[in-house]
PDB file of N, CA and C in Angstrom:
ATOM      1  N   MET A   1    -120.062 114.419   2.288  1.00  0.00           N
ATOM      2  CA  MET A   1    -120.521 115.715   2.727  1.00  0.00           C
ATOM      3  C   MET A   1    -120.990 115.579   4.177  1.00  0.00           C
ATOM      4  N   GLY A   2    -120.493 116.455   5.006  1.00  0.00           N
ATOM      5  CA  GLY A   2    -120.823 116.398   6.418  1.00  0.00           C
ATOM      6  C   GLY A   2    -122.106 117.137   6.744  1.00  0.00           C
ATOM      7  N   PRO A   3    -122.532 117.030   7.999  1.00  0.00           N
ATOM      8  CA  PRO A   3    -123.778 117.694   8.401  1.00  0.00           C
ATOM      9  C   PRO A   3    -123.729 119.213   8.283  1.00  0.00           C
ATOM     10  N   ALA A   4    -122.571 119.816   8.515  1.00  0.00           N
ATOM     11  CA  ALA A   4    -122.472 121.279   8.407  1.00  0.00           C
ATOM     12  C   ALA A   4    -122.653 121.725   6.956  1.00  0.00           C
ATOM     13  N   ALA A   5    -122.103 120.975   6.016  1.00  0.00           N
ATOM     14  CA  ALA A   5    -122.261 121.323   4.599  1.00  0.00           C
ATOM     15  C   ALA A   5    -123.712 121.142   4.155  1.00  0.00           C
ATOM     16  N   ILE A   6    -124.343 120.096   4.632  1.00  0.00           N
ATOM     17  CA  ILE A   6    -125.751 119.870   4.281  1.00  0.00           C
ATOM     18  C   ILE A   6    -126.620 120.987   4.843  1.00  0.00           C
ATOM     19  N   LEU A   7    -126.351 121.394   6.085  1.00  0.00           N
ATOM     20  CA  LEU A   7    -127.104 122.491   6.689  1.00  0.00           C
ATOM     21  C   LEU A   7    -126.887 123.786   5.910  1.00  0.00           C
ATOM     22  N   SER A   8    -125.656 124.037   5.479  1.00  0.00           N
ATOM     23  CA  SER A   8    -125.376 125.239   4.681  1.00  0.00           C
ATOM     24  C   SER A   8    -126.159 125.218   3.372  1.00  0.00           C
ATOM     25  N   MET A   9    -126.258 124.051   2.755  1.00  0.00           N
ATOM     26  CA  MET A   9    -127.009 123.946   1.503  1.00  0.00           C
ATOM     27  C   MET A   9    -128.505 124.154   1.730  1.00  0.00           C
ATOM     28  N   LEU A  10    -129.019 123.633   2.832  1.00  0.00           N
ATOM     29  CA  LEU A  10    -130.440 123.831   3.134  1.00  0.00           C
ATOM     30  C   LEU A  10    -130.746 125.297   3.402  1.00  0.00           C
ATOM     31  N   VAL A  11    -129.837 125.982   4.090  1.00  0.00           N
ATOM     32  CA  VAL A  11    -130.028 127.412   4.348  1.00  0.00           C
ATOM     33  C   VAL A  11    -130.020 128.180   3.035  1.00  0.00           C
ATOM     34  N   CYS A  12    -129.213 127.736   2.068  1.00  0.00           N
ATOM     35  CA  CYS A  12    -129.167 128.405   0.764  1.00  0.00           C
ATOM     36  C   CYS A  12    -130.425 128.137  -0.058  1.00  0.00           C
ATOM     37  N   LEU A  13    -131.085 127.026   0.173  1.00  0.00           N
ATOM     38  CA  LEU A  13    -132.323 126.721  -0.549  1.00  0.00           C
ATOM     39  C   LEU A  13    -133.527 127.494  -0.007  1.00  0.00           C
ATOM     40  N   LEU A  14    -133.444 127.934   1.241  1.00  0.00           N
ATOM     41  CA  LEU A  14    -134.569 128.624   1.880  1.00  0.00           C
ATOM     42  C   LEU A  14    -135.010 129.878   1.130  1.00  0.00           C
ATOM     43  N   PRO A  15    -134.106 130.793   0.730  1.00  0.00           N
ATOM     44  CA  PRO A  15    -134.580 131.967  -0.008  1.00  0.00           C
ATOM     45  C   PRO A  15    -135.203 131.617  -1.356  1.00  0.00           C
ATOM     46  N   LEU A  16    -134.735 130.539  -1.968  1.00  0.00           N
ATOM     47  CA  LEU A  16    -135.331 130.134  -3.240  1.00  0.00           C
ATOM     48  C   LEU A  16    -136.790 129.749  -3.042  1.00  0.00           C
ATOM     49  N   GLY A  17    -137.069 129.019  -1.984  1.00  0.00           N
ATOM     50  CA  GLY A  17    -138.458 128.665  -1.677  1.00  0.00           C
ATOM     51  C   GLY A  17    -139.314 129.886  -1.400  1.00  0.00           C
ATOM     52  N   PHE A  18    -138.779 130.824  -0.626  1.00  0.00           N
ATOM     53  CA  PHE A  18    -139.529 132.044  -0.334  1.00  0.00           C
ATOM     54  C   PHE A  18    -139.681 132.914  -1.578  1.00  0.00           C
ATOM     55  N   GLY A  19    -138.674 132.911  -2.467  1.00  0.00           N
ATOM     56  CA  GLY A  19    -138.778 133.670  -3.714  1.00  0.00           C
ATOM     57  C   GLY A  19    -139.878 133.120  -4.606  1.00  0.00           C
ATOM     58  N   ILE A  20    -139.962 131.795  -4.698  1.00  0.00           N
ATOM     59  CA  ILE A  20    -141.027 131.170  -5.489  1.00  0.00           C
ATOM     60  C   ILE A  20    -142.382 131.482  -4.870  1.00  0.00           C
ATOM     61  N   LEU A  21    -142.456 131.432  -3.550  1.00  0.00           N
ATOM     62  CA  LEU A  21    -143.701 131.759  -2.856  1.00  0.00           C
ATOM     63  C   LEU A  21    -144.095 133.215  -3.105  1.00  0.00           C
ATOM     64  N   TYR A  22    -143.106 134.121  -3.111  1.00  0.00           N
ATOM     65  CA  TYR A  22    -143.402 135.525  -3.367  1.00  0.00           C
ATOM     66  C   TYR A  22    -143.851 135.735  -4.815  1.00  0.00           C
ATOM     67  N   ALA A  23    -143.243 135.004  -5.749  1.00  0.00           N
ATOM     68  CA  ALA A  23    -143.651 135.142  -7.148  1.00  0.00           C
ATOM     69  C   ALA A  23    -145.094 134.678  -7.335  1.00  0.00           C
ATOM     70  N   ALA A  24    -145.497 133.645  -6.570  1.00  0.00           N
ATOM     71  CA  ALA A  24    -146.858 133.128  -6.688  1.00  0.00           C
ATOM     72  C   ALA A  24    -147.873 134.052  -6.021  1.00  0.00           C
ATOM     73  N   ARG A  25    -147.552 134.554  -4.840  1.00  0.00           N
ATOM     74  CA  ARG A  25    -148.464 135.430  -4.094  1.00  0.00           C
ATOM     75  C   ARG A  25    -147.675 136.533  -3.415  1.00  0.00           C
ATOM     76  N   PRO A  26    -147.395 137.631  -4.106  1.00  0.00           N
ATOM     77  CA  PRO A  26    -146.578 138.700  -3.524  1.00  0.00           C
ATOM     78  C   PRO A  26    -147.305 139.471  -2.424  1.00  0.00           C
ATOM     79  N   THR A  27    -146.639 139.576  -1.278  1.00  0.00           N
ATOM     80  CA  THR A  27    -147.108 140.419  -0.172  1.00  0.00           C
ATOM     81  C   THR A  27    -145.907 141.169   0.387  1.00  0.00           C
ATOM     82  N   GLU A  28    -146.172 142.263   1.074  1.00  0.00           N
ATOM     83  CA  GLU A  28    -145.100 143.055   1.674  1.00  0.00           C
ATOM     84  C   GLU A  28    -144.367 142.263   2.756  1.00  0.00           C
ATOM     85  N   GLN A  29    -145.093 141.450   3.502  1.00  0.00           N
ATOM     86  CA  GLN A  29    -144.481 140.660   4.574  1.00  0.00           C
ATOM     87  C   GLN A  29    -143.475 139.655   4.006  1.00  0.00           C
ATOM     88  N   ARG A  30    -143.810 139.004   2.920  1.00  0.00           N
ATOM     89  CA  ARG A  30    -142.888 138.039   2.299  1.00  0.00           C
ATOM     90  C   ARG A  30    -141.667 138.751   1.722  1.00  0.00           C
ATOM     91  N   LEU A  31    -141.882 139.935   1.144  1.00  0.00           N
ATOM     92  CA  LEU A  31    -140.758 140.693   0.608  1.00  0.00           C
ATOM     93  C   LEU A  31    -139.828 141.129   1.733  1.00  0.00           C
ATOM     94  N   ALA A  32    -140.381 141.565   2.840  1.00  0.00           N
ATOM     95  CA  ALA A  32    -139.557 141.974   3.979  1.00  0.00           C
ATOM     96  C   ALA A  32    -138.779 140.789   4.551  1.00  0.00           C
ATOM     97  N   LEU A  33    -139.334 139.600   4.471  1.00  0.00           N
ATOM     98  CA  LEU A  33    -138.659 138.409   4.986  1.00  0.00           C
ATOM     99  C   LEU A  33    -137.533 137.941   4.072  1.00  0.00           C
ATOM    100  N   MET A  34    -137.583 138.312   2.801  1.00  0.00           N
ATOM    101  CA  MET A  34    -136.548 137.880   1.855  1.00  0.00           C
ATOM    102  C   MET A  34    -135.174 138.452   2.195  1.00  0.00           C
ATOM    103  N   ARG A  35    -135.118 139.651   2.712  1.00  0.00           N
ATOM    104  CA  ARG A  35    -133.818 140.270   2.993  1.00  0.00           C
ATOM    105  C   ARG A  35    -133.044 139.523   4.072  1.00  0.00           C
ATOM    106  N   PRO A  36    -133.617 139.269   5.249  1.00  0.00           N
ATOM    107  CA  PRO A  36    -132.833 138.530   6.253  1.00  0.00           C
ATOM    108  C   PRO A  36    -132.555 137.079   5.861  1.00  0.00           C
ATOM    109  N   ILE A  37    -133.474 136.464   5.133  1.00  0.00           N
ATOM    110  CA  ILE A  37    -133.239 135.087   4.685  1.00  0.00           C
ATOM    111  C   ILE A  37    -132.102 135.066   3.654  1.00  0.00           C
ATOM    112  N   SER A  38    -132.030 136.096   2.810  1.00  0.00           N
ATOM    113  CA  SER A  38    -130.929 136.178   1.845  1.00  0.00           C
ATOM    114  C   SER A  38    -129.590 136.355   2.554  1.00  0.00           C
ATOM    115  N   LEU A  39    -129.571 137.170   3.596  1.00  0.00           N
ATOM    116  CA  LEU A  39    -128.336 137.318   4.371  1.00  0.00           C
ATOM    117  C   LEU A  39    -127.921 135.996   5.005  1.00  0.00           C
ATOM    118  N   ALA A  40    -128.891 135.251   5.509  1.00  0.00           N
ATOM    119  CA  ALA A  40    -128.575 133.939   6.094  1.00  0.00           C
ATOM    120  C   ALA A  40    -127.983 133.012   5.040  1.00  0.00           C
ATOM    121  N   ALA A  41    -128.494 133.077   3.816  1.00  0.00           N
ATOM    122  CA  ALA A  41    -127.962 132.235   2.743  1.00  0.00           C
ATOM    123  C   ALA A  41    -126.544 132.651   2.363  1.00  0.00           C
ATOM    124  N   ILE A  42    -126.287 133.956   2.337  1.00  0.00           N
ATOM    125  CA  ILE A  42    -124.930 134.420   2.037  1.00  0.00           C
ATOM    126  C   ILE A  42    -123.958 133.911   3.092  1.00  0.00           C
ATOM    127  N   PHE A  43    -124.326 134.062   4.353  1.00  0.00           N
ATOM    128  CA  PHE A  43    -123.447 133.594   5.423  1.00  0.00           C
ATOM    129  C   PHE A  43    -123.339 132.072   5.431  1.00  0.00           C
ATOM    130  N   GLY A  44    -124.403 131.378   5.053  1.00  0.00           N
ATOM    131  CA  GLY A  44    -124.344 129.920   4.959  1.00  0.00           C
ATOM    132  C   GLY A  44    -123.390 129.466   3.866  1.00  0.00           C
ATOM    133  N   ALA A  45    -123.414 130.149   2.721  1.00  0.00           N
ATOM    134  CA  ALA A  45    -122.504 129.804   1.628  1.00  0.00           C
ATOM    135  C   ALA A  45    -121.058 130.087   2.014  1.00  0.00           C
ATOM    136  N   LEU A  46    -120.829 131.226   2.649  1.00  0.00           N
ATOM    137  CA  LEU A  46    -119.473 131.545   3.107  1.00  0.00           C
ATOM    138  C   LEU A  46    -118.999 130.550   4.160  1.00  0.00           C
ATOM    139  N   HIS A  47    -119.901 130.153   5.048  1.00  0.00           N
ATOM    140  CA  HIS A  47    -119.569 129.165   6.082  1.00  0.00           C
ATOM    141  C   HIS A  47    -119.171 127.840   5.456  1.00  0.00           C
ATOM    142  N   GLY A  48    -119.946 127.368   4.491  1.00  0.00           N
ATOM    143  CA  GLY A  48    -119.640 126.104   3.836  1.00  0.00           C
ATOM    144  C   GLY A  48    -118.318 126.145   3.097  1.00  0.00           C
ATOM    145  N   CYS A  49    -118.044 127.256   2.425  1.00  0.00           N
ATOM    146  CA  CYS A  49    -116.786 127.402   1.695  1.00  0.00           C
ATOM    147  C   CYS A  49    -115.603 127.456   2.657  1.00  0.00           C
ATOM    148  N   ALA A  50    -115.728 128.245   3.710  1.00  0.00           N
ATOM    149  CA  ALA A  50    -114.637 128.350   4.686  1.00  0.00           C
ATOM    150  C   ALA A  50    -114.386 127.011   5.367  1.00  0.00           C
ATOM    151  N   LEU A  51    -115.445 126.301   5.694  1.00  0.00           N
ATOM    152  CA  LEU A  51    -115.290 124.994   6.336  1.00  0.00           C
ATOM    153  C   LEU A  51    -114.578 124.014   5.406  1.00  0.00           C
ATOM    154  N   GLY A  52    -114.868 124.075   4.123  1.00  0.00           N
ATOM    155  CA  GLY A  52    -114.179 123.217   3.168  1.00  0.00           C
ATOM    156  C   GLY A  52    -112.690 123.521   3.102  1.00  0.00           C
ATOM    157  N   PHE A  53    -112.343 124.814   3.097  1.00  0.00           N
ATOM    158  CA  PHE A  53    -110.930 125.175   3.061  1.00  0.00           C
ATOM    159  C   PHE A  53    -110.223 124.808   4.365  1.00  0.00           C
ATOM    160  N   VAL A  54    -110.919 124.901   5.486  1.00  0.00           N
ATOM    161  CA  VAL A  54    -110.338 124.455   6.756  1.00  0.00           C
ATOM    162  C   VAL A  54    -109.989 122.971   6.673  1.00  0.00           C
ATOM    163  N   ASN A  55    -110.871 122.180   6.097  1.00  0.00           N
ATOM    164  CA  ASN A  55    -110.596 120.748   5.953  1.00  0.00           C
ATOM    165  C   ASN A  55    -109.436 120.488   4.988  1.00  0.00           C
ATOM    166  N   VAL A  56    -109.331 121.279   3.919  1.00  0.00           N
ATOM    167  CA  VAL A  56    -108.208 121.133   2.990  1.00  0.00           C
ATOM    168  C   VAL A  56    -106.894 121.433   3.707  1.00  0.00           C
ATOM    169  N   PHE A  57    -106.870 122.535   4.455  1.00  0.00           N
ATOM    170  CA  PHE A  57    -105.639 122.904   5.171  1.00  0.00           C
ATOM    171  C   PHE A  57    -105.282 121.877   6.243  1.00  0.00           C
ATOM    172  N   ARG A  58    -106.310 121.332   6.901  1.00  0.00           N
ATOM    173  CA  ARG A  58    -106.050 120.295   7.898  1.00  0.00           C
ATOM    174  C   ARG A  58    -105.457 119.048   7.245  1.00  0.00           C
ATOM    175  N   ASN A  59    -105.965 118.694   6.065  1.00  0.00           N
ATOM    176  CA  ASN A  59    -105.440 117.553   5.334  1.00  0.00           C
ATOM    177  C   ASN A  59    -103.983 117.784   4.933  1.00  0.00           C
ATOM    178  N   ILE A  60    -103.663 118.992   4.496  1.00  0.00           N
ATOM    179  CA  ILE A  60    -102.285 119.311   4.124  1.00  0.00           C
ATOM    180  C   ILE A  60    -101.373 119.226   5.351  1.00  0.00           C
ATOM    181  N   ALA A  61    -101.840 119.729   6.483  1.00  0.00           N
ATOM    182  CA  ALA A  61    -101.019 119.743   7.696  1.00  0.00           C
ATOM    183  C   ALA A  61    -100.778 118.346   8.249  1.00  0.00           C
ATOM    184  N   GLU A  62    -101.672 117.405   7.993  1.00  0.00           N
ATOM    185  CA  GLU A  62    -101.517 116.056   8.525  1.00  0.00           C
ATOM    186  C   GLU A  62    -100.523 115.215   7.736  1.00  0.00           C
ATOM    187  N   LYS A  63    -100.111 115.670   6.559  1.00  0.00           N
ATOM    188  CA  LYS A  63     -99.157 114.922   5.748  1.00  0.00           C
ATOM    189  C   LYS A  63     -97.759 115.061   6.339  1.00  0.00           C
ATOM    190  N   GLU A  64     -96.922 114.066   6.050  1.00  0.00           N
ATOM    191  CA  GLU A  64     -95.550 114.115   6.540  1.00  0.00           C
ATOM    192  C   GLU A  64     -94.795 115.290   5.933  1.00  0.00           C
ATOM    193  N   VAL A  65     -94.982 115.484   4.630  1.00  0.00           N
ATOM    194  CA  VAL A  65     -94.429 116.645   3.936  1.00  0.00           C
ATOM    195  C   VAL A  65     -95.623 117.448   3.428  1.00  0.00           C
ATOM    196  N   ALA A  66     -95.783 118.648   3.961  1.00  0.00           N
ATOM    197  CA  ALA A  66     -96.945 119.473   3.616  1.00  0.00           C
ATOM    198  C   ALA A  66     -96.831 119.953   2.167  1.00  0.00           C
ATOM    199  N   THR A  67     -97.659 119.383   1.297  1.00  0.00           N
ATOM    200  CA  THR A  67     -97.673 119.782  -0.110  1.00  0.00           C
ATOM    201  C   THR A  67     -99.109 119.999  -0.562  1.00  0.00           C
ATOM    202  N   PHE A  68     -99.249 120.894  -1.515  1.00  0.00           N
ATOM    203  CA  PHE A  68    -100.563 121.164  -2.106  1.00  0.00           C
ATOM    204  C   PHE A  68    -100.665 120.297  -3.354  1.00  0.00           C
ATOM    205  N   ASP A  69    -101.102 119.053  -3.177  1.00  0.00           N
ATOM    206  CA  ASP A  69    -101.130 118.083  -4.271  1.00  0.00           C
ATOM    207  C   ASP A  69    -102.508 118.027  -4.918  1.00  0.00           C
ATOM    208  N   ASN A  70    -102.729 117.016  -5.766  1.00  0.00           N
ATOM    209  CA  ASN A  70    -103.993 116.899  -6.499  1.00  0.00           C
ATOM    210  C   ASN A  70    -105.195 116.759  -5.578  1.00  0.00           C
ATOM    211  N   ILE A  71    -105.048 116.025  -4.487  1.00  0.00           N
ATOM    212  CA  ILE A  71    -106.159 115.871  -3.540  1.00  0.00           C
ATOM    213  C   ILE A  71    -106.527 117.223  -2.933  1.00  0.00           C
ATOM    214  N   SER A  72    -105.532 118.040  -2.672  1.00  0.00           N
ATOM    215  CA  SER A  72    -105.792 119.371  -2.124  1.00  0.00           C
ATOM    216  C   SER A  72    -106.509 120.249  -3.142  1.00  0.00           C
ATOM    217  N   PHE A  73    -106.141 120.124  -4.412  1.00  0.00           N
ATOM    218  CA  PHE A  73    -106.829 120.889  -5.456  1.00  0.00           C
ATOM    219  C   PHE A  73    -108.293 120.477  -5.563  1.00  0.00           C
ATOM    220  N   VAL A  74    -108.545 119.183  -5.472  1.00  0.00           N
ATOM    221  CA  VAL A  74    -109.926 118.689  -5.528  1.00  0.00           C
ATOM    222  C   VAL A  74    -110.717 119.204  -4.324  1.00  0.00           C
ATOM    223  N   GLY A  75    -110.106 119.168  -3.148  1.00  0.00           N
ATOM    224  CA  GLY A  75    -110.778 119.673  -1.955  1.00  0.00           C
ATOM    225  C   GLY A  75    -111.078 121.156  -2.045  1.00  0.00           C
ATOM    226  N   ALA A  76    -110.131 121.924  -2.575  1.00  0.00           N
ATOM    227  CA  ALA A  76    -110.358 123.366  -2.741  1.00  0.00           C
ATOM    228  C   ALA A  76    -111.476 123.629  -3.742  1.00  0.00           C
ATOM    229  N   ALA A  77    -111.505 122.850  -4.819  1.00  0.00           N
ATOM    230  CA  ALA A  77    -112.577 123.012  -5.812  1.00  0.00           C
ATOM    231  C   ALA A  77    -113.932 122.659  -5.209  1.00  0.00           C
ATOM    232  N   GLU A  78    -113.983 121.596  -4.417  1.00  0.00           N
ATOM    233  CA  GLU A  78    -115.243 121.222  -3.773  1.00  0.00           C
ATOM    234  C   GLU A  78    -115.679 122.268  -2.755  1.00  0.00           C
ATOM    235  N   SER A  79    -114.733 122.953  -2.146  1.00  0.00           N
ATOM    236  CA  SER A  79    -115.081 124.017  -1.204  1.00  0.00           C
ATOM    237  C   SER A  79    -115.780 125.168  -1.911  1.00  0.00           C
ATOM    238  N   LEU A  80    -115.373 125.455  -3.132  1.00  0.00           N
ATOM    239  CA  LEU A  80    -115.979 126.551  -3.889  1.00  0.00           C
ATOM    240  C   LEU A  80    -117.381 126.220  -4.378  1.00  0.00           C
ATOM    241  N   VAL A  81    -117.729 124.946  -4.400  1.00  0.00           N
ATOM    242  CA  VAL A  81    -119.064 124.537  -4.846  1.00  0.00           C
ATOM    243  C   VAL A  81    -120.136 125.182  -3.971  1.00  0.00           C
ATOM    244  N   MET A  82    -119.866 125.308  -2.679  1.00  0.00           N
ATOM    245  CA  MET A  82    -120.863 125.914  -1.778  1.00  0.00           C
ATOM    246  C   MET A  82    -121.166 127.356  -2.176  1.00  0.00           C
ATOM    247  N   LEU A  83    -120.126 128.107  -2.571  1.00  0.00           N
ATOM    248  CA  LEU A  83    -120.364 129.486  -3.008  1.00  0.00           C
ATOM    249  C   LEU A  83    -121.202 129.528  -4.278  1.00  0.00           C
ATOM    250  N   PHE A  84    -120.862 128.693  -5.248  1.00  0.00           N
ATOM    251  CA  PHE A  84    -121.617 128.679  -6.497  1.00  0.00           C
ATOM    252  C   PHE A  84    -123.060 128.250  -6.261  1.00  0.00           C
ATOM    253  N   PHE A  85    -123.258 127.240  -5.427  1.00  0.00           N
ATOM    254  CA  PHE A  85    -124.608 126.769  -5.136  1.00  0.00           C
ATOM    255  C   PHE A  85    -125.411 127.845  -4.405  1.00  0.00           C
ATOM    256  N   GLY A  86    -124.807 128.429  -3.378  1.00  0.00           N
ATOM    257  CA  GLY A  86    -125.509 129.430  -2.581  1.00  0.00           C
ATOM    258  C   GLY A  86    -125.891 130.656  -3.383  1.00  0.00           C
ATOM    259  N   PHE A  87    -124.936 131.185  -4.135  1.00  0.00           N
ATOM    260  CA  PHE A  87    -125.243 132.387  -4.915  1.00  0.00           C
ATOM    261  C   PHE A  87    -126.121 132.077  -6.120  1.00  0.00           C
ATOM    262  N   GLY A  88    -126.069 130.858  -6.623  1.00  0.00           N
ATOM    263  CA  GLY A  88    -127.001 130.454  -7.674  1.00  0.00           C
ATOM    264  C   GLY A  88    -128.432 130.421  -7.161  1.00  0.00           C
ATOM    265  N   CYS A  89    -128.612 129.871  -5.956  1.00  0.00           N
ATOM    266  CA  CYS A  89    -129.946 129.868  -5.347  1.00  0.00           C
ATOM    267  C   CYS A  89    -130.435 131.282  -5.084  1.00  0.00           C
ATOM    268  N   LEU A  90    -129.541 132.156  -4.628  1.00  0.00           N
ATOM    269  CA  LEU A  90    -129.932 133.546  -4.382  1.00  0.00           C
ATOM    270  C   LEU A  90    -130.308 134.260  -5.677  1.00  0.00           C
ATOM    271  N   MET A  91    -129.575 133.982  -6.749  1.00  0.00           N
ATOM    272  CA  MET A  91    -129.897 134.593  -8.033  1.00  0.00           C
ATOM    273  C   MET A  91    -131.307 134.199  -8.468  1.00  0.00           C
ATOM    274  N   LEU A  92    -131.610 132.903  -8.388  1.00  0.00           N
ATOM    275  CA  LEU A  92    -132.941 132.445  -8.777  1.00  0.00           C
ATOM    276  C   LEU A  92    -134.017 133.004  -7.855  1.00  0.00           C
ATOM    277  N   ALA A  93    -133.721 133.091  -6.562  1.00  0.00           N
ATOM    278  CA  ALA A  93    -134.699 133.618  -5.605  1.00  0.00           C
ATOM    279  C   ALA A  93    -135.044 135.069  -5.917  1.00  0.00           C
ATOM    280  N   TRP A  94    -134.031 135.875  -6.203  1.00  0.00           N
ATOM    281  CA  TRP A  94    -134.304 137.281  -6.469  1.00  0.00           C
ATOM    282  C   TRP A  94    -134.902 137.502  -7.855  1.00  0.00           C
ATOM    283  N   LEU A  95    -134.667 136.593  -8.780  1.00  0.00           N
ATOM    284  CA  LEU A  95    -135.402 136.655 -10.052  1.00  0.00           C
ATOM    285  C   LEU A  95    -136.888 136.384  -9.822  1.00  0.00           C
ATOM    286  N   CYS A  96    -137.188 135.451  -8.927  1.00  0.00           N
ATOM    287  CA  CYS A  96    -138.594 135.195  -8.569  1.00  0.00           C
ATOM    288  C   CYS A  96    -139.204 136.412  -7.886  1.00  0.00           C
ATOM    289  N   VAL A  97    -138.434 137.093  -7.047  1.00  0.00           N
ATOM    290  CA  VAL A  97    -138.928 138.316  -6.415  1.00  0.00           C
ATOM    291  C   VAL A  97    -139.207 139.378  -7.478  1.00  0.00           C
ATOM    292  N   ALA A  98    -138.338 139.478  -8.469  1.00  0.00           N
ATOM    293  CA  ALA A  98    -138.567 140.443  -9.548  1.00  0.00           C
ATOM    294  C   ALA A  98    -139.853 140.128 -10.300  1.00  0.00           C
ATOM    295  N   ILE A  99    -140.113 138.847 -10.506  1.00  0.00           N
ATOM    296  CA  ILE A  99    -141.369 138.456 -11.153  1.00  0.00           C
ATOM    297  C   ILE A  99    -142.552 138.851 -10.278  1.00  0.00           C
ATOM    298  N   GLY A 100    -142.435 138.628  -8.972  1.00  0.00           N
ATOM    299  CA  GLY A 100    -143.507 139.010  -8.052  1.00  0.00           C
ATOM    300  C   GLY A 100    -143.722 140.516  -8.019  1.00  0.00           C
ATOM    301  N   LEU A 101    -142.644 141.287  -8.067  1.00  0.00           N
ATOM    302  CA  LEU A 101    -142.789 142.745  -8.103  1.00  0.00           C
ATOM    303  C   LEU A 101    -143.414 143.210  -9.415  1.00  0.00           C
ATOM    304  N   TRP A 102    -143.088 142.544 -10.499  1.00  0.00           N
ATOM    305  CA  TRP A 102    -143.666 142.878 -11.787  1.00  0.00           C
ATOM    306  C   TRP A 102    -145.168 142.602 -11.797  1.00  0.00           C
ATOM    307  N   ARG A 103    -145.557 141.501 -11.165  1.00  0.00           N
ATOM    308  CA  ARG A 103    -146.991 141.143 -11.108  1.00  0.00           C
ATOM    309  C   ARG A 103    -147.760 142.082 -10.213  1.00  0.00           C
ATOM    310  N   GLY A 104    -147.134 142.610  -9.192  1.00  0.00           N
ATOM    311  CA  GLY A 104    -147.806 143.522  -8.260  1.00  0.00           C
ATOM    312  C   GLY A 104    -148.445 142.763  -7.125  1.00  0.00           C
ATOM    313  N   PRO A 105    -148.846 143.470  -6.083  1.00  0.00           N
ATOM    314  CA  PRO A 105    -149.440 142.811  -4.917  1.00  0.00           C
ATOM    315  C   PRO A 105    -150.804 142.202  -5.244  1.00  0.00           C
ATOM    316  N   GLN A 106    -151.059 141.084  -4.639  1.00  0.00           N
ATOM    317  CA  GLN A 106    -152.342 140.397  -4.812  1.00  0.00           C
ATOM    318  C   GLN A 106    -153.379 141.032  -3.894  1.00  0.00           C
ATOM    319  N   THR A 107    -154.572 141.190  -4.390  1.00  0.00           N
ATOM    320  CA  THR A 107    -155.669 141.664  -3.553  1.00  0.00           C
ATOM    321  C   THR A 107    -156.571 140.480  -3.245  1.00  0.00           C
ATOM    322  N   ARG A 108    -157.110 140.489  -2.068  1.00  0.00           N
ATOM    323  CA  ARG A 108    -157.970 139.371  -1.655  1.00  0.00           C
ATOM    324  C   ARG A 108    -159.385 139.565  -2.077  1.00  0.00           C
TER     325      ARG A 108
END
């Protein structure tokens, strides 16, 4: 896994952390921050997936006879992992937000 894929995964983990933080102590500021962080995670997941497919296509093009063989299938499957990971983190993050909304805002 390269540095770009690792960065994409870290960006996808960020909303999960903020979602857990919002579930623990809900405030309007944290809720407002969840929307742009979620967009960053969506774009990070798409970036990681697209980058994986770019590498698969580059691998196919470098072969003497361009074929979509077993290695290409494995690469394509690994590219989709970023989407599943990213949207899985977003699902959990927004479930935490739902818990925070159910609890209501904290008063000091």
